[in-house]
């Protein structure tokens, strides 16, 4: 993100591609040729070597994401916050079902970069999947122990701070204008949020963006930024963060590698355009692999 100056972003808010979720495999392969090569190698590898190949793929996916967290640290101001919505993954590979704990890998990476980890939020997603008596969808052997699996019905909103608390002058007007209510504080700063996910009903490209609800971006922007701040979303997707930032009198910078998303982003963001708002889109050549 070389276009962004050091210490110029107040809040980074994003939901990246989730490692080891199948619908994002191609995006990771396009980003890193080594990942694509390993996936191709997996199908013909010996049983004994497949476990190691899967681990290498998983490691490389997170190494690619870590480059973004490193750049985020550079561009954030002192006291700036990074908020990352991420889900863990379960997947059967090499005839083995396992959990890929994406949230813990990101915490480890961000702490090595220099971030301070703050208490995270658990987003319990209300779902439209088939349920058994309202209890959720189950995996494994049904009612027979011990080979059933716990269902993943929560995602993580990881929170990190760069450096010390953000300084403000006494009685700073933008800060006081951005004040939230007691009711908002009591609900927003509890650890478990129960919100319905955004359902994509158009095409595969939009479904792959897996847009999180506007309510999540609304809360996080109001919790961790003030009016006039600049917000960064390095995985812009359908443009939810940019739309919400604009509606709440914040500036926003977004990056999206999938050029076909541009019409969707414009459609999302243009709903907020008025005489005091503008959007500028710059296309940049992707760096060679």
C-alpha atoms as a PDB file:
ATOM      1  CA  UNK A   1       0.000   0.000   0.000  1.00  0.00           C
ATOM      2  CA  UNK A   2       2.782   2.353  -1.024  1.00  0.00           C
ATOM      3  CA  UNK A   3       0.316   5.154  -1.865  1.00  0.00           C
ATOM      4  CA  UNK A   4      -0.524   5.570   1.833  1.00  0.00           C
ATOM      5  CA  UNK A   5       1.800   7.626   4.026  1.00  0.00           C
ATOM      6  CA  UNK A   6       3.190   6.353   7.313  1.00  0.00           C
ATOM      7  CA  UNK A   7       1.058   7.135  10.388  1.00  0.00           C
ATOM      8  CA  UNK A   8      -1.917   8.445   8.412  1.00  0.00           C
ATOM      9  CA  UNK A   9      -4.720   5.913   9.033  1.00  0.00           C
ATOM     10  CA  UNK A  10      -6.872   5.979  12.160  1.00  0.00           C
ATOM     11  CA  UNK A  11      -8.707   2.671  11.828  1.00  0.00           C
ATOM     12  CA  UNK A  12      -8.155  -0.399   9.668  1.00  0.00           C
ATOM     13  CA  UNK A  13     -11.353  -2.424   9.309  1.00  0.00           C
ATOM     14  CA  UNK A  14     -11.544  -5.453   7.051  1.00  0.00           C
ATOM     15  CA  UNK A  15     -12.643  -9.025   6.453  1.00  0.00           C
ATOM     16  CA  UNK A  16      -9.937 -10.818   4.439  1.00  0.00           C
ATOM     17  CA  UNK A  17     -10.183 -14.063   2.462  1.00  0.00           C
ATOM     18  CA  UNK A  18     -10.325 -16.907   4.978  1.00  0.00           C
ATOM     19  CA  UNK A  19      -7.467 -19.410   4.617  1.00  0.00           C
ATOM     20  CA  UNK A  20      -8.620 -22.965   3.948  1.00  0.00           C
ATOM     21  CA  UNK A  21     -12.171 -21.957   3.027  1.00  0.00           C
ATOM     22  CA  UNK A  22     -12.583 -23.495  -0.413  1.00  0.00           C
ATOM     23  CA  UNK A  23     -14.222 -20.538  -2.144  1.00  0.00           C
ATOM     24  CA  UNK A  24     -11.079 -18.453  -1.526  1.00  0.00           C
ATOM     25  CA  UNK A  25      -8.578 -21.051  -2.765  1.00  0.00           C
ATOM     26  CA  UNK A  26      -8.325 -19.520  -6.232  1.00  0.00           C
ATOM     27  CA  UNK A  27      -7.734 -16.037  -4.860  1.00  0.00           C
ATOM     28  CA  UNK A  28      -4.792 -17.262  -2.784  1.00  0.00           C
ATOM     29  CA  UNK A  29      -3.481 -19.177  -5.806  1.00  0.00           C
ATOM     30  CA  UNK A  30      -3.657 -16.037  -7.950  1.00  0.00           C
ATOM     31  CA  UNK A  31      -1.797 -14.086  -5.284  1.00  0.00           C
ATOM     32  CA  UNK A  32       0.982 -16.618  -4.731  1.00  0.00           C
ATOM     33  CA  UNK A  33       2.121 -19.068  -7.404  1.00  0.00           C
ATOM     34  CA  UNK A  34       3.722 -21.258  -4.722  1.00  0.00           C
ATOM     35  CA  UNK A  35       0.285 -21.967  -3.253  1.00  0.00           C
ATOM     36  CA  UNK A  36      -1.074 -22.966  -6.664  1.00  0.00           C
ATOM     37  CA  UNK A  37       1.885 -25.295  -7.228  1.00  0.00           C
ATOM     38  CA  UNK A  38       1.341 -26.988  -3.874  1.00  0.00           C
ATOM     39  CA  UNK A  39      -2.388 -27.528  -4.514  1.00  0.00           C
ATOM     40  CA  UNK A  40      -1.531 -29.187  -7.836  1.00  0.00           C
ATOM     41  CA  UNK A  41       1.109 -31.312  -6.119  1.00  0.00           C
ATOM     42  CA  UNK A  42      -1.324 -32.426  -3.403  1.00  0.00           C
ATOM     43  CA  UNK A  43      -3.517 -34.531  -5.684  1.00  0.00           C
ATOM     44  CA  UNK A  44      -0.642 -36.775  -6.796  1.00  0.00           C
ATOM     45  CA  UNK A  45       1.434 -36.799  -3.612  1.00  0.00           C
ATOM     46  CA  UNK A  46       1.942 -39.869  -1.474  1.00  0.00           C
ATOM     47  CA  UNK A  47      -0.259 -40.252   1.582  1.00  0.00           C
ATOM     48  CA  UNK A  48       2.693 -39.708   3.906  1.00  0.00           C
ATOM     49  CA  UNK A  49       3.602 -36.338   2.358  1.00  0.00           C
ATOM     50  CA  UNK A  50       0.090 -34.899   1.999  1.00  0.00           C
ATOM     51  CA  UNK A  51      -0.115 -33.717   5.612  1.00  0.00           C
ATOM     52  CA  UNK A  52       3.065 -31.689   5.177  1.00  0.00           C
ATOM     53  CA  UNK A  53       1.820 -30.173   1.900  1.00  0.00           C
ATOM     54  CA  UNK A  54      -1.452 -29.090   3.520  1.00  0.00           C
ATOM     55  CA  UNK A  55       0.545 -27.431   6.315  1.00  0.00           C
ATOM     56  CA  UNK A  56       2.714 -25.616   3.770  1.00  0.00           C
ATOM     57  CA  UNK A  57      -0.369 -24.314   1.937  1.00  0.00           C
ATOM     58  CA  UNK A  58      -1.914 -23.086   5.182  1.00  0.00           C
ATOM     59  CA  UNK A  59       1.326 -21.408   6.261  1.00  0.00           C
ATOM     60  CA  UNK A  60       1.704 -19.642   2.903  1.00  0.00           C
ATOM     61  CA  UNK A  61      -1.875 -18.361   2.986  1.00  0.00           C
ATOM     62  CA  UNK A  62      -1.179 -16.696   6.323  1.00  0.00           C
ATOM     63  CA  UNK A  63       2.222 -15.443   5.189  1.00  0.00           C
ATOM     64  CA  UNK A  64       0.428 -13.590   2.393  1.00  0.00           C
ATOM     65  CA  UNK A  65      -2.108 -12.079   4.802  1.00  0.00           C
ATOM     66  CA  UNK A  66       0.686 -11.074   7.172  1.00  0.00           C
ATOM     67  CA  UNK A  67       2.110  -8.754   4.510  1.00  0.00           C
ATOM     68  CA  UNK A  68      -1.108  -6.756   4.779  1.00  0.00           C
ATOM     69  CA  UNK A  69      -0.956  -6.656   8.591  1.00  0.00           C
ATOM     70  CA  UNK A  70       2.650  -5.389   8.335  1.00  0.00           C
ATOM     71  CA  UNK A  71       1.593  -2.584   6.007  1.00  0.00           C
ATOM     72  CA  UNK A  72      -1.350  -1.824   8.295  1.00  0.00           C
ATOM     73  CA  UNK A  73       1.034  -1.319  11.203  1.00  0.00           C
ATOM     74  CA  UNK A  74       3.097   1.091   9.117  1.00  0.00           C
ATOM     75  CA  UNK A  75       0.192   3.287   8.030  1.00  0.00           C
ATOM     76  CA  UNK A  76      -1.705   3.398  11.341  1.00  0.00           C
ATOM     77  CA  UNK A  77      -1.238   6.372  13.632  1.00  0.00           C
ATOM     78  CA  UNK A  78      -0.037   5.940  17.215  1.00  0.00           C
ATOM     79  CA  UNK A  79      -3.011   4.487  19.048  1.00  0.00           C
ATOM     80  CA  UNK A  80      -4.698   3.454  15.794  1.00  0.00           C
ATOM     81  CA  UNK A  81      -6.867   0.337  15.838  1.00  0.00           C
ATOM     82  CA  UNK A  82      -6.927  -2.654  13.495  1.00  0.00           C
ATOM     83  CA  UNK A  83     -10.192  -4.625  13.415  1.00  0.00           C
ATOM     84  CA  UNK A  84     -10.131  -7.912  11.493  1.00  0.00           C
ATOM     85  CA  UNK A  85     -13.235 -10.048  10.961  1.00  0.00           C
ATOM     86  CA  UNK A  86     -12.085 -13.641  10.431  1.00  0.00           C
ATOM     87  CA  UNK A  87     -13.552 -17.116  10.731  1.00  0.00           C
ATOM     88  CA  UNK A  88     -11.803 -20.379  11.460  1.00  0.00           C
ATOM     89  CA  UNK A  89     -12.106 -23.156   8.884  1.00  0.00           C
ATOM     90  CA  UNK A  90     -12.952 -26.840   9.011  1.00  0.00           C
ATOM     91  CA  UNK A  91     -12.053 -29.001   6.054  1.00  0.00           C
ATOM     92  CA  UNK A  92     -11.447 -32.599   5.059  1.00  0.00           C
ATOM     93  CA  UNK A  93      -8.123 -32.987   3.256  1.00  0.00           C
ATOM     94  CA  UNK A  94      -6.056 -36.137   2.872  1.00  0.00           C
ATOM     95  CA  UNK A  95      -9.079 -38.031   4.278  1.00  0.00           C
ATOM     96  CA  UNK A  96      -8.641 -36.100   7.529  1.00  0.00           C
ATOM     97  CA  UNK A  97     -11.142 -33.653   9.023  1.00  0.00           C
ATOM     98  CA  UNK A  98      -9.558 -30.839  10.993  1.00  0.00           C
ATOM     99  CA  UNK A  99      -9.826 -27.270  12.219  1.00  0.00           C
ATOM    100  CA  UNK A 100      -7.670 -24.496  10.763  1.00  0.00           C
ATOM    101  CA  UNK A 101      -7.581 -21.836  13.535  1.00  0.00           C
ATOM    102  CA  UNK A 102      -7.260 -18.679  11.443  1.00  0.00           C
ATOM    103  CA  UNK A 103      -7.957 -16.303  14.310  1.00  0.00           C
ATOM    104  CA  UNK A 104      -5.053 -17.593  16.419  1.00  0.00           C
ATOM    105  CA  UNK A 105      -2.643 -17.446  13.490  1.00  0.00           C
ATOM    106  CA  UNK A 106      -3.521 -13.809  12.859  1.00  0.00           C
ATOM    107  CA  UNK A 107      -3.087 -12.938  16.543  1.00  0.00           C
ATOM    108  CA  UNK A 108       0.363 -14.545  16.549  1.00  0.00           C
ATOM    109  CA  UNK A 109       1.383 -12.704  13.370  1.00  0.00           C
ATOM    110  CA  UNK A 110       0.133  -9.319  14.550  1.00  0.00           C
ATOM    111  CA  UNK A 111       1.864  -9.620  17.924  1.00  0.00           C
ATOM    112  CA  UNK A 112       5.160 -10.413  16.173  1.00  0.00           C
ATOM    113  CA  UNK A 113       4.689  -7.270  14.054  1.00  0.00           C
ATOM    114  CA  UNK A 114       4.307  -5.164  17.207  1.00  0.00           C
ATOM    115  CA  UNK A 115       0.557  -4.823  17.716  1.00  0.00           C
ATOM    116  CA  UNK A 116      -1.008  -5.051  21.166  1.00  0.00           C
ATOM    117  CA  UNK A 117      -3.855  -7.565  21.209  1.00  0.00           C
ATOM    118  CA  UNK A 118      -7.087  -6.246  22.723  1.00  0.00           C
ATOM    119  CA  UNK A 119     -10.139  -8.283  23.859  1.00  0.00           C
ATOM    120  CA  UNK A 120     -11.851  -9.598  20.757  1.00  0.00           C
ATOM    121  CA  UNK A 121     -15.527  -9.875  19.821  1.00  0.00           C
ATOM    122  CA  UNK A 122     -17.289 -13.137  19.021  1.00  0.00           C
ATOM    123  CA  UNK A 123     -19.846 -12.666  16.258  1.00  0.00           C
ATOM    124  CA  UNK A 124     -22.449 -15.395  16.655  1.00  0.00           C
ATOM    125  CA  UNK A 125     -23.987 -15.623  13.209  1.00  0.00           C
ATOM    126  CA  UNK A 126     -27.692 -16.243  12.908  1.00  0.00           C
ATOM    127  CA  UNK A 127     -28.068 -18.638   9.993  1.00  0.00           C
ATOM    128  CA  UNK A 128     -30.703 -19.849   7.566  1.00  0.00           C
ATOM    129  CA  UNK A 129     -29.146 -23.349   7.353  1.00  0.00           C
ATOM    130  CA  UNK A 130     -31.282 -26.382   8.296  1.00  0.00           C
ATOM    131  CA  UNK A 131     -31.572 -26.770  12.063  1.00  0.00           C
ATOM    132  CA  UNK A 132     -32.545 -29.550  14.398  1.00  0.00           C
ATOM    133  CA  UNK A 133     -35.146 -28.083  16.774  1.00  0.00           C
ATOM    134  CA  UNK A 134     -33.473 -24.698  16.439  1.00  0.00           C
ATOM    135  CA  UNK A 135     -30.172 -26.022  17.787  1.00  0.00           C
ATOM    136  CA  UNK A 136     -28.031 -25.581  14.665  1.00  0.00           C
ATOM    137  CA  UNK A 137     -26.574 -27.840  11.995  1.00  0.00           C
ATOM    138  CA  UNK A 138     -24.378 -30.700  13.213  1.00  0.00           C
ATOM    139  CA  UNK A 139     -21.360 -32.478  11.739  1.00  0.00           C
ATOM    140  CA  UNK A 140     -20.120 -36.005  12.180  1.00  0.00           C
ATOM    141  CA  UNK A 141     -22.000 -38.978  13.580  1.00  0.00           C
ATOM    142  CA  UNK A 142     -25.238 -37.376  14.725  1.00  0.00           C
ATOM    143  CA  UNK A 143     -26.230 -38.723  18.148  1.00  0.00           C
ATOM    144  CA  UNK A 144     -23.429 -41.297  18.498  1.00  0.00           C
ATOM    145  CA  UNK A 145     -20.316 -40.429  20.498  1.00  0.00           C
ATOM    146  CA  UNK A 146     -17.443 -39.784  20.177  1.00  0.00           C
ATOM    147  CA  UNK A 147     -16.986 -38.789  16.517  1.00  0.00           C
ATOM    148  CA  UNK A 148     -19.285 -35.760  16.111  1.00  0.00           C
ATOM    149  CA  UNK A 149     -17.876 -32.251  15.728  1.00  0.00           C
ATOM    150  CA  UNK A 150     -18.764 -28.924  17.262  1.00  0.00           C
ATOM    151  CA  UNK A 151     -20.338 -26.616  14.677  1.00  0.00           C
ATOM    152  CA  UNK A 152     -18.557 -23.363  13.882  1.00  0.00           C
ATOM    153  CA  UNK A 153     -21.261 -20.748  14.366  1.00  0.00           C
ATOM    154  CA  UNK A 154     -19.068 -17.851  15.546  1.00  0.00           C
ATOM    155  CA  UNK A 155     -16.572 -15.638  13.764  1.00  0.00           C
ATOM    156  CA  UNK A 156     -13.959 -13.454  15.406  1.00  0.00           C
ATOM    157  CA  UNK A 157     -13.572  -9.700  15.263  1.00  0.00           C
ATOM    158  CA  UNK A 158      -9.949  -9.355  16.331  1.00  0.00           C
ATOM    159  CA  UNK A 159      -8.861  -6.002  17.730  1.00  0.00           C
ATOM    160  CA  UNK A 160      -5.309  -4.660  17.880  1.00  0.00           C
ATOM    161  CA  UNK A 161      -3.748  -1.334  18.853  1.00  0.00           C
ATOM    162  CA  UNK A 162      -0.566   0.204  17.511  1.00  0.00           C
ATOM    163  CA  UNK A 163       1.477   1.672  20.344  1.00  0.00           C
ATOM    164  CA  UNK A 164      -0.039   3.632  23.203  1.00  0.00           C
ATOM    165  CA  UNK A 165      -3.525   5.092  23.606  1.00  0.00           C
ATOM    166  CA  UNK A 166      -4.409   7.637  20.954  1.00  0.00           C
ATOM    167  CA  UNK A 167      -3.822  11.176  22.282  1.00  0.00           C
ATOM    168  CA  UNK A 168      -6.449  13.931  21.988  1.00  0.00           C
ATOM    169  CA  UNK A 169      -6.431  17.608  22.985  1.00  0.00           C
ATOM    170  CA  UNK A 170      -8.757  18.534  25.880  1.00  0.00           C
ATOM    171  CA  UNK A 171     -12.448  18.732  24.896  1.00  0.00           C
ATOM    172  CA  UNK A 172     -11.648  17.785  21.301  1.00  0.00           C
ATOM    173  CA  UNK A 173     -14.814  18.758  19.305  1.00  0.00           C
ATOM    174  CA  UNK A 174     -14.778  15.899  16.722  1.00  0.00           C
ATOM    175  CA  UNK A 175     -14.304  13.392  19.510  1.00  0.00           C
ATOM    176  CA  UNK A 176     -17.234  14.718  21.517  1.00  0.00           C
ATOM    177  CA  UNK A 177     -19.393  14.924  18.375  1.00  0.00           C
ATOM    178  CA  UNK A 178     -18.687  11.213  17.853  1.00  0.00           C
ATOM    179  CA  UNK A 179     -19.856  10.182  21.318  1.00  0.00           C
ATOM    180  CA  UNK A 180     -22.037   7.074  21.569  1.00  0.00           C
ATOM    181  CA  UNK A 181     -24.905   6.522  23.970  1.00  0.00           C
ATOM    182  CA  UNK A 182     -24.917   4.417  27.133  1.00  0.00           C
ATOM    183  CA  UNK A 183     -27.200   1.890  25.428  1.00  0.00           C
ATOM    184  CA  UNK A 184     -24.820   1.654  22.484  1.00  0.00           C
ATOM    185  CA  UNK A 185     -21.816   1.275  24.775  1.00  0.00           C
ATOM    186  CA  UNK A 186     -23.471  -1.489  26.816  1.00  0.00           C
ATOM    187  CA  UNK A 187     -24.362  -3.473  23.696  1.00  0.00           C
ATOM    188  CA  UNK A 188     -21.351  -2.777  21.505  1.00  0.00           C
ATOM    189  CA  UNK A 189     -18.668  -3.413  24.118  1.00  0.00           C
ATOM    190  CA  UNK A 190     -20.021  -6.791  25.187  1.00  0.00           C
ATOM    191  CA  UNK A 191     -17.984  -9.677  23.819  1.00  0.00           C
ATOM    192  CA  UNK A 192     -20.711 -11.628  22.027  1.00  0.00           C
ATOM    193  CA  UNK A 193     -22.643 -10.049  19.158  1.00  0.00           C
ATOM    194  CA  UNK A 194     -25.611 -11.897  17.696  1.00  0.00           C
ATOM    195  CA  UNK A 195     -26.248 -10.622  14.190  1.00  0.00           C
ATOM    196  CA  UNK A 196     -27.505 -12.153  10.971  1.00  0.00           C
ATOM    197  CA  UNK A 197     -24.921 -12.515   8.198  1.00  0.00           C
ATOM    198  CA  UNK A 198     -25.325 -10.798   4.858  1.00  0.00           C
ATOM    199  CA  UNK A 199     -26.730 -13.225   2.316  1.00  0.00           C
ATOM    200  CA  UNK A 200     -25.375 -12.932  -1.219  1.00  0.00           C
ATOM    201  CA  UNK A 201     -28.064 -13.853  -3.738  1.00  0.00           C
ATOM    202  CA  UNK A 202     -26.668 -12.680  -7.071  1.00  0.00           C
ATOM    203  CA  UNK A 203     -23.624 -14.450  -8.483  1.00  0.00           C
ATOM    204  CA  UNK A 204     -20.576 -16.438  -7.422  1.00  0.00           C
ATOM    205  CA  UNK A 205     -18.349 -13.369  -7.364  1.00  0.00           C
ATOM    206  CA  UNK A 206     -20.550 -11.535  -4.863  1.00  0.00           C
ATOM    207  CA  UNK A 207     -20.974 -14.661  -2.755  1.00  0.00           C
ATOM    208  CA  UNK A 208     -17.195 -15.011  -2.588  1.00  0.00           C
ATOM    209  CA  UNK A 209     -16.881 -11.536  -1.082  1.00  0.00           C
ATOM    210  CA  UNK A 210     -18.913 -12.841   1.891  1.00  0.00           C
ATOM    211  CA  UNK A 211     -19.894  -9.325   2.869  1.00  0.00           C
ATOM    212  CA  UNK A 212     -20.352  -8.830   6.561  1.00  0.00           C
ATOM    213  CA  UNK A 213     -23.430  -6.928   7.759  1.00  0.00           C
ATOM    214  CA  UNK A 214     -23.451  -3.149   7.602  1.00  0.00           C
ATOM    215  CA  UNK A 215     -24.325  -3.214  11.307  1.00  0.00           C
ATOM    216  CA  UNK A 216     -20.869  -4.627  12.111  1.00  0.00           C
ATOM    217  CA  UNK A 217     -19.030  -1.916  10.189  1.00  0.00           C
ATOM    218  CA  UNK A 218     -21.348   0.719  11.686  1.00  0.00           C
ATOM    219  CA  UNK A 219     -20.550  -0.367  15.224  1.00  0.00           C
ATOM    220  CA  UNK A 220     -16.796  -0.727  14.756  1.00  0.00           C
ATOM    221  CA  UNK A 221     -16.426   2.593  12.955  1.00  0.00           C
ATOM    222  CA  UNK A 222     -18.276   4.423  15.725  1.00  0.00           C
ATOM    223  CA  UNK A 223     -16.435   2.516  18.468  1.00  0.00           C
ATOM    224  CA  UNK A 224     -12.900   3.055  17.206  1.00  0.00           C
ATOM    225  CA  UNK A 225     -12.845   6.261  15.122  1.00  0.00           C
ATOM    226  CA  UNK A 226     -14.165   9.805  15.229  1.00  0.00           C
ATOM    227  CA  UNK A 227     -15.690  12.054  12.583  1.00  0.00           C
ATOM    228  CA  UNK A 228     -13.110  13.177  10.046  1.00  0.00           C
ATOM    229  CA  UNK A 229     -10.865  10.139  10.545  1.00  0.00           C
ATOM    230  CA  UNK A 230      -9.518   8.047   7.682  1.00  0.00           C
ATOM    231  CA  UNK A 231     -10.399   4.367   7.577  1.00  0.00           C
ATOM    232  CA  UNK A 232      -8.606   1.706   5.553  1.00  0.00           C
ATOM    233  CA  UNK A 233     -10.062  -1.518   4.155  1.00  0.00           C
ATOM    234  CA  UNK A 234      -7.336  -3.502   2.336  1.00  0.00           C
ATOM    235  CA  UNK A 235      -9.818  -6.204   1.268  1.00  0.00           C
ATOM    236  CA  UNK A 236     -12.669  -3.992   0.134  1.00  0.00           C
ATOM    237  CA  UNK A 237     -14.893  -6.679  -1.391  1.00  0.00           C
ATOM    238  CA  UNK A 238     -18.318  -5.218  -2.150  1.00  0.00           C
ATOM    239  CA  UNK A 239     -17.489  -1.876  -0.499  1.00  0.00           C
ATOM    240  CA  UNK A 240     -19.428  -2.194   2.770  1.00  0.00           C
ATOM    241  CA  UNK A 241     -16.722  -0.503   4.857  1.00  0.00           C
ATOM    242  CA  UNK A 242     -16.404   2.421   2.458  1.00  0.00           C
ATOM    243  CA  UNK A 243     -20.162   2.947   2.321  1.00  0.00           C
ATOM    244  CA  UNK A 244     -20.515   2.943   6.102  1.00  0.00           C
ATOM    245  CA  UNK A 245     -17.493   5.191   6.639  1.00  0.00           C
ATOM    246  CA  UNK A 246     -18.872   7.758   4.222  1.00  0.00           C
ATOM    247  CA  UNK A 247     -22.303   7.690   5.835  1.00  0.00           C
ATOM    248  CA  UNK A 248     -20.665   8.392   9.195  1.00  0.00           C
ATOM    249  CA  UNK A 249     -18.567  11.351   8.032  1.00  0.00           C
ATOM    250  CA  UNK A 250     -15.271   9.469   7.807  1.00  0.00           C
ATOM    251  CA  UNK A 251     -12.888   9.196   4.869  1.00  0.00           C
ATOM    252  CA  UNK A 252     -12.044   5.762   3.500  1.00  0.00           C
ATOM    253  CA  UNK A 253      -9.329   4.152   1.399  1.00  0.00           C
ATOM    254  CA  UNK A 254      -9.934   0.676  -0.004  1.00  0.00           C
ATOM    255  CA  UNK A 255      -8.021  -1.906  -2.024  1.00  0.00           C
ATOM    256  CA  UNK A 256      -9.558  -4.726  -4.048  1.00  0.00           C
ATOM    257  CA  UNK A 257      -7.551  -7.165  -6.162  1.00  0.00           C
ATOM    258  CA  UNK A 258     -10.578  -8.539  -8.041  1.00  0.00           C
ATOM    259  CA  UNK A 259     -11.214  -6.009 -10.817  1.00  0.00           C
ATOM    260  CA  UNK A 260     -14.629  -7.514 -11.607  1.00  0.00           C
ATOM    261  CA  UNK A 261     -15.801  -6.232  -8.220  1.00  0.00           C
ATOM    262  CA  UNK A 262     -15.549  -2.618  -9.402  1.00  0.00           C
ATOM    263  CA  UNK A 263     -19.185  -2.267 -10.598  1.00  0.00           C
ATOM    264  CA  UNK A 264     -20.407  -3.788  -7.322  1.00  0.00           C
ATOM    265  CA  UNK A 265     -18.263  -1.401  -5.274  1.00  0.00           C
ATOM    266  CA  UNK A 266     -19.509   1.572  -7.269  1.00  0.00           C
ATOM    267  CA  UNK A 267     -23.103   0.457  -6.811  1.00  0.00           C
ATOM    268  CA  UNK A 268     -22.587   0.063  -3.049  1.00  0.00           C
ATOM    269  CA  UNK A 269     -20.745   3.319  -2.483  1.00  0.00           C
ATOM    270  CA  UNK A 270     -22.784   5.487  -4.850  1.00  0.00           C
ATOM    271  CA  UNK A 271     -25.777   5.145  -2.546  1.00  0.00           C
ATOM    272  CA  UNK A 272     -23.924   7.462  -0.153  1.00  0.00           C
ATOM    273  CA  UNK A 273     -22.707  10.024  -2.659  1.00  0.00           C
ATOM    274  CA  UNK A 274     -23.908  13.605  -2.141  1.00  0.00           C
ATOM    275  CA  UNK A 275     -22.612  17.106  -2.687  1.00  0.00           C
ATOM    276  CA  UNK A 276     -19.993  16.725   0.068  1.00  0.00           C
ATOM    277  CA  UNK A 277     -18.823  13.240  -0.942  1.00  0.00           C
ATOM    278  CA  UNK A 278     -16.654  12.033  -3.781  1.00  0.00           C
ATOM    279  CA  UNK A 279     -15.076   8.750  -4.818  1.00  0.00           C
ATOM    280  CA  UNK A 280     -11.841   8.348  -6.750  1.00  0.00           C
ATOM    281  CA  UNK A 281     -10.842   4.989  -8.223  1.00  0.00           C
ATOM    282  CA  UNK A 282      -7.299   4.283  -9.340  1.00  0.00           C
ATOM    283  CA  UNK A 283      -6.324   1.081 -11.123  1.00  0.00           C
ATOM    284  CA  UNK A 284      -2.860  -0.246 -10.536  1.00  0.00           C
ATOM    285  CA  UNK A 285      -0.960  -3.030 -12.249  1.00  0.00           C
ATOM    286  CA  UNK A 286      -0.539  -6.054 -10.015  1.00  0.00           C
ATOM    287  CA  UNK A 287       3.044  -6.695  -8.976  1.00  0.00           C
ATOM    288  CA  UNK A 288       4.610  -9.742 -10.652  1.00  0.00           C
ATOM    289  CA  UNK A 289       4.571 -12.941  -8.599  1.00  0.00           C
END
